[in-house]
Amino acid sequence: MQRGKGLGLNPVLGVETRSVASVRSKVVSGREIFYGKGRCGLCHTIGVSRGGKCPNLDGAGDRLTFEYIKESVVQPQAYIRLDFDPPQPKNYPARMPQVNRPPIGLTQKEMQGVMAFVQSQRGL
């Protein structure tokens, strides 16, 4: 019997392929929610665009812990970064909304997808 055969394991990495597929599907669904129902893309940017109202999330997976990302999604007012504004700070009257409450109303599973998508962002 070949090593890993029938166990769902990648013989090179020793990683269960089913778990990799489920993480990948969370990231894909999280991206759809980020730019769709979650409305995150209305304020946050990812990539080379540098003009958003809120922090650019490019490279978030390299610089933010999963716990910080989770807290930012679940309790957005717990910690507010004030250093993302240009040198002359803008005063934004709106703060990040509670995404698990109306009008957005994300489910626990949808929030987990968004967190997986944000964590998957790596620097350019």
Protein backbone atom coordinates (compact mmCIF):
# COMPACT_ATOMS: atom_id res chain seq x y z
CA MET A 1 0.00 0.00 0.00
CA GLN A 2 1.34 3.44 -0.95
CA ARG A 3 2.00 5.91 1.82
CA GLY A 4 -1.06 8.09 2.43
CA LYS A 5 -3.18 6.28 -0.14
CA GLY A 6 -6.81 6.02 0.92
CA LEU A 7 -6.29 8.30 3.92
CA GLY A 8 -6.89 11.58 2.10
CA LEU A 9 -3.31 12.65 2.85
CA ASN A 10 -0.95 14.46 0.57
CA PRO A 11 2.11 12.13 0.78
CA VAL A 12 4.54 15.00 0.22
CA LEU A 13 3.14 17.47 2.73
CA GLY A 14 1.47 15.07 5.14
CA VAL A 15 -1.59 17.32 5.09
CA GLU A 16 -5.10 15.99 4.92
CA THR A 17 -6.31 17.08 1.48
CA ARG A 18 -9.93 17.33 2.61
CA SER A 19 -8.99 20.03 5.16
CA VAL A 20 -7.03 21.96 2.53
CA ALA A 21 -10.05 21.85 0.23
CA SER A 22 -12.36 23.07 3.00
CA VAL A 23 -10.02 25.98 3.82
CA ARG A 24 -9.84 26.86 0.12
CA SER A 25 -13.64 26.80 -0.17
CA LYS A 26 -13.93 29.05 2.92
CA VAL A 27 -11.56 31.54 1.32
CA VAL A 28 -13.52 31.50 -1.96
CA SER A 29 -16.88 31.94 -0.24
CA GLY A 30 -15.34 34.56 2.08
CA ARG A 31 -14.19 36.58 -0.93
CA GLU A 32 -17.72 36.53 -2.36
CA ILE A 33 -19.14 37.68 0.98
CA PHE A 34 -16.40 40.34 1.41
CA TYR A 35 -17.32 41.98 -1.90
CA GLY A 36 -21.04 41.10 -1.76
CA LYS A 37 -23.35 40.67 1.21
CA GLY A 38 -20.70 41.73 3.76
CA ARG A 39 -20.11 45.04 1.97
CA CYS A 40 -16.50 45.06 3.25
CA GLY A 41 -15.13 46.11 -0.15
CA LEU A 42 -17.09 49.37 0.00
CA CYS A 43 -14.56 50.72 2.53
CA HIS A 44 -11.60 48.32 2.64
CA THR A 45 -9.26 47.81 -0.30
CA ILE A 46 -6.93 44.94 -1.12
CA GLY A 47 -3.94 45.29 -3.40
CA VAL A 48 -2.29 48.31 -4.91
CA SER A 49 -5.27 50.63 -4.47
CA ARG A 50 -4.42 53.05 -1.69
CA GLY A 51 -7.42 55.37 -1.47
CA GLY A 52 -9.94 53.52 0.70
CA LYS A 53 -11.74 54.99 3.68
CA CYS A 54 -10.50 52.16 5.88
CA PRO A 55 -7.27 50.18 6.22
CA ASN A 56 -6.00 48.45 3.11
CA LEU A 57 -6.06 44.72 3.84
CA ASP A 58 -3.32 43.77 1.38
CA GLY A 59 -0.87 41.57 3.25
CA ALA A 60 -3.22 41.23 6.23
CA GLY A 61 -2.38 37.53 6.50
CA ASP A 62 1.30 38.39 6.89
CA ARG A 63 0.89 41.10 9.51
CA LEU A 64 -2.28 40.35 11.50
CA THR A 65 -3.00 37.38 13.74
CA PHE A 66 -6.14 35.34 13.24
CA GLU A 67 -7.30 36.47 16.70
CA TYR A 68 -6.97 40.13 15.69
CA ILE A 69 -8.86 39.54 12.44
CA LYS A 70 -11.60 37.70 14.32
CA GLU A 71 -11.93 40.46 16.91
CA SER A 72 -12.07 43.07 14.14
CA VAL A 73 -14.93 41.22 12.44
CA VAL A 74 -16.88 40.14 15.53
CA GLN A 75 -16.28 43.25 17.68
CA PRO A 76 -15.24 46.01 15.29
CA GLN A 77 -15.23 48.72 17.97
CA ALA A 78 -12.90 46.78 20.32
CA TYR A 79 -9.78 48.21 18.68
CA ILE A 80 -9.80 51.02 16.15
CA ARG A 81 -6.65 51.86 14.24
CA LEU A 82 -6.26 55.58 13.90
CA ASP A 83 -2.97 55.54 12.02
CA PHE A 84 -4.36 54.51 8.63
CA ASP A 85 -5.41 58.01 7.61
CA PRO A 86 -3.23 60.19 5.40
CA PRO A 87 -0.94 62.71 7.17
CA GLN A 88 -3.84 65.14 7.55
CA PRO A 89 -6.39 62.91 9.28
CA LYS A 90 -9.89 62.70 7.94
CA ASN A 91 -12.74 62.50 10.37
CA TYR A 92 -14.96 59.68 9.23
CA PRO A 93 -18.32 59.84 10.98
CA ALA A 94 -19.01 56.14 10.38
CA ARG A 95 -17.16 53.26 11.99
CA MET A 96 -17.11 49.63 10.93
CA PRO A 97 -20.60 48.22 11.51
CA GLN A 98 -21.49 45.12 13.49
CA VAL A 99 -21.59 42.76 10.52
CA ASN A 100 -23.55 40.09 12.38
CA ARG A 101 -26.48 42.45 12.90
CA PRO A 102 -28.86 44.14 10.45
CA PRO A 103 -28.56 45.62 7.94
CA ILE A 104 -25.68 43.28 6.98
CA GLY A 105 -26.56 40.28 9.18
CA LEU A 106 -23.75 37.81 8.43
CA THR A 107 -24.06 34.35 9.93
CA GLN A 108 -21.27 32.77 11.99
CA LYS A 109 -20.27 30.65 8.97
CA GLU A 110 -20.21 33.72 6.68
CA MET A 111 -18.02 35.63 9.16
CA GLN A 112 -15.63 32.66 9.30
CA GLY A 113 -15.40 32.80 5.51
CA VAL A 114 -14.59 36.52 5.56
CA MET A 115 -11.93 35.91 8.23
CA ALA A 116 -10.40 33.11 6.13
CA PHE A 117 -10.36 35.39 3.07
CA VAL A 118 -8.69 38.27 4.95
CA GLN A 119 -6.16 35.90 6.50
CA SER A 120 -5.35 34.52 3.04
CA GLN A 121 -4.18 37.94 1.84
CA ARG A 122 -0.42 38.04 1.46
CA GLY A 123 1.84 40.93 0.48
CA LEU A 124 2.61 41.74 -3.14
